[in-house]
Amino acid sequence: MHTAKQVSTYLSTMDFTHLEVTLALFLVVVLAIFAFYFFQTQRIMKKLRQTPPRNAEADKLKIAAYERLTLFAERNKIDNLINRFYQPGLDTQTMRQLMLQSIREEFDHNVTQQLYVKAPIWDAVSKIKEQNMFIINQVAAMLPGDAPAMEFNKQLIQLIHQNENTTMNKVVLEALQFEVQQLMN
């Protein structure tokens, strides 16, 4: 085994030609480039292993679920319910029952979508159902049962337009849109 001093002495006594020095430098550069790309590749592979692969079919199912829940939120806005069910001659209780029945049926029809969306999104959609039913029942309770549906509808519209935050529909629709955009990126 040679000591560092012996190696240094040996190297100093050697006469390197210009070609040998150039070749040595070339090899050092090639090895440095190889090492750089090797470590970059390792870093990228590690990152890919940490990120689960995107499943296009699963993404399609999720997007379809978000579309259906968007439709649910839109169809169950109180003003949209009024537009769908109001007919001249209806009384408050009949209008109330039609609206509540529609909300329940729409919710039941979309209950399986919770399998494809994030839990907070599903909770928010469930709260739309509960909140809108609560508002409808509260306003109906303030009126006589035989009051015309037109009066009931006016009270509902007045309530939701006095404070846009009365219902969660807008916030939930924005959350649904955000989630779909995340899936598509």
N, C-alpha and C. Protein backbone atom coordinates (compact mmCIF):
# COMPACT_ATOMS: atom_id res chain seq x y z
N MET A 1 0.85 -1.16 0.00
CA MET A 1 0.00 0.00 0.00
C MET A 1 0.91 1.23 0.00
N HIS A 2 0.63 2.16 -0.84
CA HIS A 2 1.42 3.37 -0.97
C HIS A 2 0.79 4.48 -0.14
N THR A 3 1.65 5.31 0.40
CA THR A 3 1.16 6.46 1.15
C THR A 3 0.84 7.59 0.18
N ALA A 4 0.13 8.58 0.68
CA ALA A 4 -0.24 9.72 -0.15
C ALA A 4 1.00 10.45 -0.65
N LYS A 5 2.02 10.52 0.19
CA LYS A 5 3.25 11.21 -0.20
C LYS A 5 3.93 10.47 -1.34
N GLN A 6 3.96 9.12 -1.26
CA GLN A 6 4.58 8.33 -2.31
C GLN A 6 3.83 8.49 -3.63
N VAL A 7 2.49 8.50 -3.55
CA VAL A 7 1.68 8.65 -4.77
C VAL A 7 1.92 10.04 -5.36
N SER A 8 1.96 11.06 -4.50
CA SER A 8 2.18 12.42 -4.97
C SER A 8 3.55 12.54 -5.64
N THR A 9 4.56 11.91 -5.05
CA THR A 9 5.90 11.95 -5.61
C THR A 9 5.92 11.24 -6.95
N TYR A 10 5.25 10.12 -7.02
CA TYR A 10 5.21 9.35 -8.25
C TYR A 10 4.55 10.15 -9.37
N LEU A 11 3.40 10.82 -9.01
CA LEU A 11 2.68 11.60 -10.02
C LEU A 11 3.51 12.81 -10.48
N SER A 12 4.25 13.41 -9.56
CA SER A 12 5.03 14.59 -9.95
C SER A 12 6.19 14.20 -10.86
N THR A 13 6.68 12.99 -10.74
CA THR A 13 7.78 12.57 -11.58
C THR A 13 7.29 12.11 -12.95
N MET A 14 5.99 11.86 -13.07
CA MET A 14 5.45 11.42 -14.35
C MET A 14 5.34 12.60 -15.29
N ASP A 15 5.57 12.33 -16.48
CA ASP A 15 5.46 13.34 -17.50
C ASP A 15 4.20 13.07 -18.30
N PHE A 16 3.15 13.90 -18.06
CA PHE A 16 1.89 13.71 -18.77
C PHE A 16 1.93 14.51 -20.06
N THR A 17 1.48 13.87 -21.08
CA THR A 17 1.40 14.59 -22.34
C THR A 17 0.10 15.37 -22.37
N HIS A 18 0.04 16.27 -23.26
CA HIS A 18 -1.15 17.10 -23.43
C HIS A 18 -2.37 16.22 -23.77
N LEU A 19 -2.17 15.22 -24.57
CA LEU A 19 -3.24 14.30 -24.96
C LEU A 19 -3.76 13.52 -23.76
N GLU A 20 -2.88 13.08 -22.90
CA GLU A 20 -3.30 12.32 -21.72
C GLU A 20 -4.11 13.18 -20.77
N VAL A 21 -3.72 14.42 -20.58
CA VAL A 21 -4.44 15.33 -19.70
C VAL A 21 -5.83 15.60 -20.27
N THR A 22 -5.89 15.85 -21.58
CA THR A 22 -7.17 16.11 -22.23
C THR A 22 -8.08 14.90 -22.12
N LEU A 23 -7.53 13.73 -22.34
CA LEU A 23 -8.32 12.50 -22.22
C LEU A 23 -8.82 12.31 -20.80
N ALA A 24 -8.00 12.56 -19.83
CA ALA A 24 -8.41 12.42 -18.43
C ALA A 24 -9.53 13.41 -18.10
N LEU A 25 -9.37 14.66 -18.55
CA LEU A 25 -10.43 15.65 -18.32
C LEU A 25 -11.72 15.26 -19.03
N PHE A 26 -11.61 14.75 -20.22
CA PHE A 26 -12.79 14.30 -20.97
C PHE A 26 -13.52 13.19 -20.20
N LEU A 27 -12.79 12.25 -19.67
CA LEU A 27 -13.41 11.16 -18.90
C LEU A 27 -14.08 11.68 -17.63
N VAL A 28 -13.45 12.63 -16.99
CA VAL A 28 -14.03 13.22 -15.78
C VAL A 28 -15.34 13.91 -16.13
N VAL A 29 -15.37 14.67 -17.23
CA VAL A 29 -16.60 15.36 -17.65
C VAL A 29 -17.69 14.35 -18.00
N VAL A 30 -17.33 13.31 -18.74
CA VAL A 30 -18.32 12.28 -19.11
C VAL A 30 -18.88 11.61 -17.86
N LEU A 31 -18.02 11.29 -16.93
CA LEU A 31 -18.49 10.67 -15.68
C LEU A 31 -19.38 11.62 -14.89
N ALA A 32 -19.05 12.90 -14.87
CA ALA A 32 -19.87 13.88 -14.16
C ALA A 32 -21.25 13.99 -14.81
N ILE A 33 -21.28 14.03 -16.14
CA ILE A 33 -22.58 14.09 -16.84
C ILE A 33 -23.38 12.83 -16.57
N PHE A 34 -22.75 11.69 -16.64
CA PHE A 34 -23.43 10.42 -16.36
C PHE A 34 -23.99 10.43 -14.93
N ALA A 35 -23.20 10.85 -13.98
CA ALA A 35 -23.65 10.89 -12.59
C ALA A 35 -24.83 11.85 -12.43
N PHE A 36 -24.76 13.01 -13.08
CA PHE A 36 -25.85 13.99 -13.01
C PHE A 36 -27.15 13.37 -13.53
N TYR A 37 -27.11 12.78 -14.72
CA TYR A 37 -28.32 12.18 -15.28
C TYR A 37 -28.80 10.98 -14.48
N PHE A 38 -27.88 10.23 -13.94
CA PHE A 38 -28.26 9.08 -13.11
C PHE A 38 -29.04 9.54 -11.88
N PHE A 39 -28.52 10.56 -11.19
CA PHE A 39 -29.20 11.05 -10.00
C PHE A 39 -30.52 11.76 -10.34
N GLN A 40 -30.56 12.46 -11.46
CA GLN A 40 -31.82 13.08 -11.89
C GLN A 40 -32.87 12.00 -12.17
N THR A 41 -32.47 10.96 -12.85
CA THR A 41 -33.39 9.86 -13.15
C THR A 41 -33.88 9.20 -11.87
N GLN A 42 -32.98 9.00 -10.93
CA GLN A 42 -33.36 8.40 -9.65
C GLN A 42 -34.37 9.28 -8.91
N ARG A 43 -34.14 10.59 -8.94
CA ARG A 43 -35.04 11.53 -8.28
C ARG A 43 -36.42 11.50 -8.94
N ILE A 44 -36.46 11.49 -10.24
CA ILE A 44 -37.74 11.45 -10.96
C ILE A 44 -38.46 10.13 -10.69
N MET A 45 -37.75 9.04 -10.71
CA MET A 45 -38.37 7.74 -10.45
C MET A 45 -38.93 7.67 -9.02
N LYS A 46 -38.21 8.24 -8.08
CA LYS A 46 -38.70 8.26 -6.70
C LYS A 46 -39.99 9.06 -6.61
N LYS A 47 -40.03 10.20 -7.30
CA LYS A 47 -41.23 11.03 -7.30
C LYS A 47 -42.40 10.30 -7.95
N LEU A 48 -42.15 9.61 -9.04
CA LEU A 48 -43.21 8.86 -9.72
C LEU A 48 -43.74 7.72 -8.84
N ARG A 49 -42.87 7.10 -8.09
CA ARG A 49 -43.32 6.02 -7.20
C ARG A 49 -44.18 6.57 -6.07
N GLN A 50 -43.92 7.80 -5.65
CA GLN A 50 -44.70 8.41 -4.58
C GLN A 50 -46.06 8.88 -5.07
N THR A 51 -46.18 9.27 -6.32
CA THR A 51 -47.43 9.76 -6.87
C THR A 51 -48.18 8.58 -7.48
N PRO A 52 -49.37 8.30 -6.97
CA PRO A 52 -50.10 7.17 -7.55
C PRO A 52 -50.48 7.49 -9.00
N PRO A 53 -50.45 6.48 -9.84
CA PRO A 53 -50.78 6.72 -11.24
C PRO A 53 -52.24 7.13 -11.40
N ARG A 54 -52.50 7.99 -12.34
CA ARG A 54 -53.87 8.44 -12.61
C ARG A 54 -54.58 7.33 -13.38
N ASN A 55 -55.75 7.08 -12.95
CA ASN A 55 -56.57 6.08 -13.61
C ASN A 55 -57.64 6.83 -14.40
N ALA A 56 -57.53 6.81 -15.71
CA ALA A 56 -58.43 7.59 -16.56
C ALA A 56 -59.88 7.16 -16.38
N GLU A 57 -60.12 5.88 -16.23
CA GLU A 57 -61.49 5.40 -16.06
C GLU A 57 -62.07 5.87 -14.73
N ALA A 58 -61.28 5.82 -13.68
CA ALA A 58 -61.74 6.29 -12.37
C ALA A 58 -62.00 7.80 -12.42
N ASP A 59 -61.15 8.54 -13.12
CA ASP A 59 -61.36 9.98 -13.26
C ASP A 59 -62.66 10.27 -13.98
N LYS A 60 -62.98 9.48 -15.00
CA LYS A 60 -64.24 9.67 -15.73
C LYS A 60 -65.44 9.46 -14.80
N LEU A 61 -65.36 8.43 -13.95
CA LEU A 61 -66.44 8.17 -13.01
C LEU A 61 -66.58 9.32 -12.01
N LYS A 62 -65.44 9.82 -11.54
CA LYS A 62 -65.48 10.94 -10.59
C LYS A 62 -66.07 12.18 -11.23
N ILE A 63 -65.65 12.47 -12.45
CA ILE A 63 -66.17 13.66 -13.15
C ILE A 63 -67.67 13.51 -13.36
N ALA A 64 -68.12 12.32 -13.74
CA ALA A 64 -69.56 12.08 -13.92
C ALA A 64 -70.30 12.29 -12.60
N ALA A 65 -69.71 11.87 -11.50
CA ALA A 65 -70.34 12.07 -10.19
C ALA A 65 -70.44 13.55 -9.86
N TYR A 66 -69.38 14.29 -10.12
CA TYR A 66 -69.41 15.73 -9.87
C TYR A 66 -70.44 16.42 -10.77
N GLU A 67 -70.57 15.94 -12.01
CA GLU A 67 -71.60 16.50 -12.90
C GLU A 67 -73.00 16.26 -12.34
N ARG A 68 -73.25 15.06 -11.87
CA ARG A 68 -74.58 14.74 -11.34
C ARG A 68 -74.87 15.53 -10.07
N LEU A 69 -73.86 15.70 -9.24
CA LEU A 69 -74.08 16.47 -8.01
C LEU A 69 -74.25 17.96 -8.31
N THR A 70 -73.61 18.43 -9.37
CA THR A 70 -73.82 19.80 -9.80
C THR A 70 -75.27 19.97 -10.25
N LEU A 71 -75.75 19.02 -11.00
CA LEU A 71 -77.15 19.05 -11.44
C LEU A 71 -78.09 19.02 -10.24
N PHE A 72 -77.76 18.18 -9.26
CA PHE A 72 -78.57 18.11 -8.03
C PHE A 72 -78.62 19.49 -7.36
N ALA A 73 -77.46 20.12 -7.20
CA ALA A 73 -77.40 21.42 -6.52
C ALA A 73 -78.18 22.48 -7.30
N GLU A 74 -78.08 22.44 -8.60
CA GLU A 74 -78.81 23.41 -9.43
C GLU A 74 -80.31 23.18 -9.37
N ARG A 75 -80.72 21.94 -9.52
CA ARG A 75 -82.16 21.63 -9.54
C ARG A 75 -82.82 21.88 -8.20
N ASN A 76 -82.05 21.85 -7.13
CA ASN A 76 -82.63 22.01 -5.80
C ASN A 76 -82.43 23.39 -5.21
N LYS A 77 -82.03 24.34 -6.03
CA LYS A 77 -82.08 25.73 -5.58
C LYS A 77 -83.56 26.05 -5.38
N ILE A 78 -83.84 26.79 -4.36
CA ILE A 78 -85.24 27.06 -4.02
C ILE A 78 -85.97 27.76 -5.16
N ASP A 79 -85.33 28.73 -5.78
CA ASP A 79 -86.02 29.41 -6.89
C ASP A 79 -86.26 28.48 -8.08
N ASN A 80 -85.36 27.53 -8.31
CA ASN A 80 -85.58 26.56 -9.39
C ASN A 80 -86.72 25.60 -9.04
N LEU A 81 -86.82 25.23 -7.77
CA LEU A 81 -87.93 24.38 -7.34
C LEU A 81 -89.26 25.11 -7.55
N ILE A 82 -89.29 26.37 -7.21
CA ILE A 82 -90.51 27.16 -7.39
C ILE A 82 -90.90 27.18 -8.87
N ASN A 83 -89.93 27.44 -9.73
CA ASN A 83 -90.21 27.49 -11.17
C ASN A 83 -90.71 26.15 -11.72
N ARG A 84 -90.19 25.06 -11.18
CA ARG A 84 -90.60 23.74 -11.67
C ARG A 84 -92.00 23.35 -11.22
N PHE A 85 -92.39 23.73 -10.01
CA PHE A 85 -93.62 23.17 -9.45
C PHE A 85 -94.80 24.13 -9.33
N TYR A 86 -94.55 25.39 -9.43
CA TYR A 86 -95.67 26.31 -9.24
C TYR A 86 -96.70 26.20 -10.36
N GLN A 87 -97.94 26.12 -9.93
CA GLN A 87 -99.09 26.16 -10.84
C GLN A 87 -100.14 27.02 -10.16
N PRO A 88 -100.80 27.85 -10.92
CA PRO A 88 -101.87 28.65 -10.30
C PRO A 88 -102.90 27.73 -9.63
N GLY A 89 -103.37 28.14 -8.48
CA GLY A 89 -104.37 27.37 -7.76
C GLY A 89 -103.80 26.45 -6.69
N LEU A 90 -102.48 26.25 -6.65
CA LEU A 90 -101.89 25.40 -5.61
C LEU A 90 -101.90 26.14 -4.29
N ASP A 91 -102.02 25.35 -3.20
CA ASP A 91 -101.91 25.96 -1.88
C ASP A 91 -100.51 25.72 -1.32
N THR A 92 -100.22 26.35 -0.22
CA THR A 92 -98.88 26.29 0.38
C THR A 92 -98.47 24.86 0.70
N GLN A 93 -99.36 24.08 1.32
CA GLN A 93 -99.00 22.73 1.72
C GLN A 93 -98.72 21.83 0.52
N THR A 94 -99.49 21.96 -0.52
CA THR A 94 -99.25 21.14 -1.72
C THR A 94 -97.91 21.52 -2.36
N MET A 95 -97.66 22.81 -2.46
CA MET A 95 -96.39 23.27 -3.02
C MET A 95 -95.23 22.79 -2.16
N ARG A 96 -95.37 22.90 -0.87
CA ARG A 96 -94.34 22.43 0.07
C ARG A 96 -94.07 20.95 -0.14
N GLN A 97 -95.10 20.15 -0.22
CA GLN A 97 -94.94 18.69 -0.40
C GLN A 97 -94.26 18.36 -1.73
N LEU A 98 -94.64 19.05 -2.79
CA LEU A 98 -94.01 18.80 -4.09
C LEU A 98 -92.52 19.12 -4.05
N MET A 99 -92.18 20.22 -3.41
CA MET A 99 -90.77 20.62 -3.33
C MET A 99 -89.97 19.63 -2.48
N LEU A 100 -90.50 19.27 -1.33
CA LEU A 100 -89.78 18.34 -0.44
C LEU A 100 -89.62 16.97 -1.10
N GLN A 101 -90.68 16.51 -1.74
CA GLN A 101 -90.62 15.22 -2.42
C GLN A 101 -89.55 15.23 -3.51
N SER A 102 -89.49 16.31 -4.26
CA SER A 102 -88.48 16.42 -5.32
C SER A 102 -87.07 16.39 -4.75
N ILE A 103 -86.85 17.13 -3.67
CA ILE A 103 -85.52 17.16 -3.05
C ILE A 103 -85.13 15.75 -2.60
N ARG A 104 -86.04 15.07 -1.92
CA ARG A 104 -85.74 13.71 -1.43
C ARG A 104 -85.45 12.76 -2.59
N GLU A 105 -86.29 12.80 -3.63
CA GLU A 105 -86.09 11.90 -4.76
C GLU A 105 -84.78 12.17 -5.47
N GLU A 106 -84.48 13.43 -5.69
CA GLU A 106 -83.21 13.78 -6.35
C GLU A 106 -82.02 13.31 -5.51
N PHE A 107 -82.11 13.51 -4.21
CA PHE A 107 -81.02 13.09 -3.32
C PHE A 107 -80.88 11.58 -3.36
N ASP A 108 -81.98 10.87 -3.22
CA ASP A 108 -81.94 9.40 -3.25
C ASP A 108 -81.39 8.88 -4.57
N HIS A 109 -81.74 9.56 -5.65
CA HIS A 109 -81.26 9.16 -6.97
C HIS A 109 -79.74 9.32 -7.09
N ASN A 110 -79.18 10.25 -6.34
CA ASN A 110 -77.74 10.54 -6.44
C ASN A 110 -76.91 10.03 -5.26
N VAL A 111 -77.52 9.27 -4.38
CA VAL A 111 -76.82 8.85 -3.16
C VAL A 111 -75.57 8.02 -3.45
N THR A 112 -75.56 7.28 -4.53
CA THR A 112 -74.37 6.46 -4.83
C THR A 112 -73.17 7.29 -5.28
N GLN A 113 -73.40 8.55 -5.61
CA GLN A 113 -72.29 9.39 -6.07
C GLN A 113 -71.28 9.65 -4.96
N GLN A 114 -71.69 9.40 -3.72
CA GLN A 114 -70.76 9.62 -2.60
C GLN A 114 -69.55 8.69 -2.69
N LEU A 115 -69.66 7.61 -3.46
CA LEU A 115 -68.54 6.69 -3.63
C LEU A 115 -67.40 7.33 -4.43
N TYR A 116 -67.71 8.33 -5.24
CA TYR A 116 -66.74 8.89 -6.17
C TYR A 116 -66.24 10.27 -5.81
N VAL A 117 -66.81 10.89 -4.80
CA VAL A 117 -66.42 12.25 -4.45
C VAL A 117 -65.81 12.27 -3.05
N LYS A 118 -65.10 13.33 -2.77
CA LYS A 118 -64.48 13.49 -1.46
C LYS A 118 -65.56 13.65 -0.39
N ALA A 119 -65.28 13.15 0.81
CA ALA A 119 -66.25 13.18 1.91
C ALA A 119 -66.77 14.59 2.21
N PRO A 120 -65.92 15.62 2.25
CA PRO A 120 -66.46 16.97 2.52
C PRO A 120 -67.45 17.44 1.45
N ILE A 121 -67.21 17.04 0.21
CA ILE A 121 -68.13 17.41 -0.86
C ILE A 121 -69.48 16.72 -0.64
N TRP A 122 -69.44 15.44 -0.33
CA TRP A 122 -70.69 14.73 -0.10
C TRP A 122 -71.43 15.30 1.11
N ASP A 123 -70.71 15.64 2.15
CA ASP A 123 -71.34 16.26 3.33
C ASP A 123 -72.03 17.57 2.95
N ALA A 124 -71.37 18.36 2.11
CA ALA A 124 -71.95 19.64 1.69
C ALA A 124 -73.21 19.42 0.86
N VAL A 125 -73.19 18.42 -0.02
CA VAL A 125 -74.37 18.11 -0.82
C VAL A 125 -75.51 17.66 0.09
N SER A 126 -75.20 16.85 1.09
CA SER A 126 -76.23 16.41 2.05
C SER A 126 -76.80 17.60 2.81
N LYS A 127 -75.94 18.56 3.12
CA LYS A 127 -76.41 19.75 3.85
C LYS A 127 -77.32 20.62 2.99
N ILE A 128 -77.07 20.65 1.67
CA ILE A 128 -77.99 21.37 0.79
C ILE A 128 -79.39 20.79 0.94
N LYS A 129 -79.47 19.49 0.90
CA LYS A 129 -80.78 18.82 1.02
C LYS A 129 -81.44 19.21 2.34
N GLU A 130 -80.71 19.04 3.43
CA GLU A 130 -81.28 19.32 4.75
C GLU A 130 -81.63 20.79 4.91
N GLN A 131 -80.74 21.66 4.47
CA GLN A 131 -80.96 23.10 4.63
C GLN A 131 -82.16 23.58 3.82
N ASN A 132 -82.25 23.16 2.57
CA ASN A 132 -83.37 23.60 1.74
C ASN A 132 -84.70 23.05 2.27
N MET A 133 -84.69 21.84 2.74
CA MET A 133 -85.92 21.28 3.32
C MET A 133 -86.31 22.05 4.58
N PHE A 134 -85.33 22.41 5.38
CA PHE A 134 -85.59 23.18 6.60
C PHE A 134 -86.19 24.54 6.26
N ILE A 135 -85.59 25.23 5.30
CA ILE A 135 -86.10 26.55 4.89
C ILE A 135 -87.53 26.43 4.39
N ILE A 136 -87.78 25.47 3.54
CA ILE A 136 -89.14 25.28 2.99
C ILE A 136 -90.13 25.02 4.11
N ASN A 137 -89.78 24.16 5.05
CA ASN A 137 -90.68 23.85 6.17
C ASN A 137 -90.90 25.06 7.07
N GLN A 138 -89.85 25.83 7.32
CA GLN A 138 -89.98 26.99 8.20
C GLN A 138 -90.89 28.06 7.59
N VAL A 139 -90.69 28.33 6.33
CA VAL A 139 -91.52 29.35 5.67
C VAL A 139 -92.97 28.86 5.59
N ALA A 140 -93.18 27.59 5.28
CA ALA A 140 -94.54 27.04 5.21
C ALA A 140 -95.22 27.11 6.57
N ALA A 141 -94.45 26.93 7.64
CA ALA A 141 -95.02 26.95 8.99
C ALA A 141 -95.48 28.36 9.37
N MET A 142 -94.94 29.38 8.74
CA MET A 142 -95.32 30.76 9.05
C MET A 142 -96.64 31.16 8.37
N LEU A 143 -97.08 30.35 7.42
CA LEU A 143 -98.28 30.67 6.65
C LEU A 143 -99.39 29.68 6.98
N PRO A 144 -100.63 30.12 6.85
CA PRO A 144 -101.72 29.15 6.99
C PRO A 144 -101.60 28.09 5.90
N GLY A 145 -101.97 26.87 6.20
CA GLY A 145 -101.85 25.75 5.25
C GLY A 145 -102.61 25.97 3.96
N ASP A 146 -103.69 26.70 4.03
CA ASP A 146 -104.48 26.91 2.81
C ASP A 146 -104.09 28.21 2.09
N ALA A 147 -103.03 28.84 2.53
CA ALA A 147 -102.57 30.06 1.85
C ALA A 147 -102.16 29.70 0.43
N PRO A 148 -102.35 30.61 -0.49
CA PRO A 148 -101.98 30.32 -1.88
C PRO A 148 -100.46 30.07 -2.00
N ALA A 149 -100.10 29.17 -2.89
CA ALA A 149 -98.69 28.85 -3.12
C ALA A 149 -97.92 30.09 -3.58
N MET A 150 -98.62 31.00 -4.24
CA MET A 150 -97.97 32.23 -4.70
C MET A 150 -97.40 33.01 -3.50
N GLU A 151 -98.15 33.08 -2.40
CA GLU A 151 -97.66 33.78 -1.20
C GLU A 151 -96.46 33.03 -0.60
N PHE A 152 -96.56 31.73 -0.55
CA PHE A 152 -95.47 30.87 -0.05
C PHE A 152 -94.21 31.12 -0.89
N ASN A 153 -94.36 31.12 -2.20
CA ASN A 153 -93.23 31.31 -3.10
C ASN A 153 -92.61 32.69 -2.91
N LYS A 154 -93.44 33.72 -2.75
CA LYS A 154 -92.93 35.07 -2.52
C LYS A 154 -92.09 35.12 -1.25
N GLN A 155 -92.59 34.48 -0.20
CA GLN A 155 -91.86 34.47 1.07
C GLN A 155 -90.50 33.76 0.91
N LEU A 156 -90.50 32.63 0.20
CA LEU A 156 -89.25 31.90 -0.02
C LEU A 156 -88.26 32.75 -0.82
N ILE A 157 -88.72 33.33 -1.90
CA ILE A 157 -87.84 34.14 -2.74
C ILE A 157 -87.32 35.35 -1.97
N GLN A 158 -88.18 35.97 -1.21
CA GLN A 158 -87.76 37.12 -0.41
C GLN A 158 -86.67 36.71 0.58
N LEU A 159 -86.85 35.59 1.22
CA LEU A 159 -85.87 35.10 2.19
C LEU A 159 -84.52 34.83 1.54
N ILE A 160 -84.52 34.14 0.43
CA ILE A 160 -83.22 33.79 -0.18
C ILE A 160 -82.56 34.99 -0.86
N HIS A 161 -83.33 35.97 -1.26
CA HIS A 161 -82.73 37.14 -1.90
C HIS A 161 -82.30 38.21 -0.90
N GLN A 162 -82.84 38.17 0.31
CA GLN A 162 -82.40 39.10 1.35
C GLN A 162 -80.97 38.79 1.76
N ASN A 163 -80.64 37.52 1.75
CA ASN A 163 -79.30 37.10 2.15
C ASN A 163 -78.89 35.96 1.24
N GLU A 164 -77.95 36.22 0.34
CA GLU A 164 -77.52 35.18 -0.60
C GLU A 164 -76.90 33.98 0.09
N ASN A 165 -76.46 34.16 1.32
CA ASN A 165 -75.84 33.05 2.06
C ASN A 165 -76.86 32.20 2.80
N THR A 166 -78.15 32.44 2.54
CA THR A 166 -79.19 31.65 3.20
C THR A 166 -79.06 30.19 2.81
N THR A 167 -78.74 29.94 1.55
CA THR A 167 -78.57 28.55 1.10
C THR A 167 -77.12 28.32 0.73
N MET A 168 -76.73 27.07 0.76
CA MET A 168 -75.35 26.69 0.49
C MET A 168 -75.11 26.38 -0.98
N ASN A 169 -76.12 26.46 -1.80
CA ASN A 169 -76.00 26.02 -3.18
C ASN A 169 -74.81 26.65 -3.90
N LYS A 170 -74.64 27.96 -3.79
CA LYS A 170 -73.57 28.65 -4.50
C LYS A 170 -72.19 28.14 -4.05
N VAL A 171 -72.00 28.01 -2.76
CA VAL A 171 -70.71 27.55 -2.23
C VAL A 171 -70.43 26.12 -2.69
N VAL A 172 -71.45 25.27 -2.63
CA VAL A 172 -71.26 23.88 -3.04
C VAL A 172 -70.97 23.79 -4.54
N LEU A 173 -71.66 24.57 -5.32
CA LEU A 173 -71.39 24.58 -6.76
C LEU A 173 -69.96 25.01 -7.06
N GLU A 174 -69.46 25.99 -6.34
CA GLU A 174 -68.07 26.43 -6.52
C GLU A 174 -67.10 25.32 -6.11
N ALA A 175 -67.41 24.62 -5.03
CA ALA A 175 -66.55 23.51 -4.58
C ALA A 175 -66.54 22.38 -5.60
N LEU A 176 -67.70 22.07 -6.14
CA LEU A 176 -67.79 21.02 -7.16
C LEU A 176 -66.96 21.40 -8.39
N GLN A 177 -67.07 22.63 -8.81
CA GLN A 177 -66.32 23.10 -9.97
C GLN A 177 -64.82 23.03 -9.70
N PHE A 178 -64.41 23.42 -8.52
CA PHE A 178 -62.99 23.37 -8.16
C PHE A 178 -62.46 21.94 -8.21
N GLU A 179 -63.22 21.00 -7.66
CA GLU A 179 -62.79 19.61 -7.63
C GLU A 179 -62.66 19.04 -9.04
N VAL A 180 -63.59 19.37 -9.92
CA VAL A 180 -63.51 18.89 -11.30
C VAL A 180 -62.28 19.47 -11.99
N GLN A 181 -62.00 20.73 -11.75
CA GLN A 181 -60.81 21.34 -12.35
C GLN A 181 -59.54 20.65 -11.86
N GLN A 182 -59.53 20.25 -10.59
CA GLN A 182 -58.36 19.52 -10.06
C GLN A 182 -58.20 18.17 -10.75
N LEU A 183 -59.31 17.51 -11.00
CA LEU A 183 -59.24 16.21 -11.68
C LEU A 183 -58.77 16.34 -13.12
N MET A 184 -59.10 17.45 -13.75
CA MET A 184 -58.78 17.61 -15.16
C MET A 184 -57.35 18.13 -15.37
N ASN A 185 -56.70 18.57 -14.32
CA ASN A 185 -55.31 19.06 -14.44
C ASN A 185 -54.32 17.96 -14.25
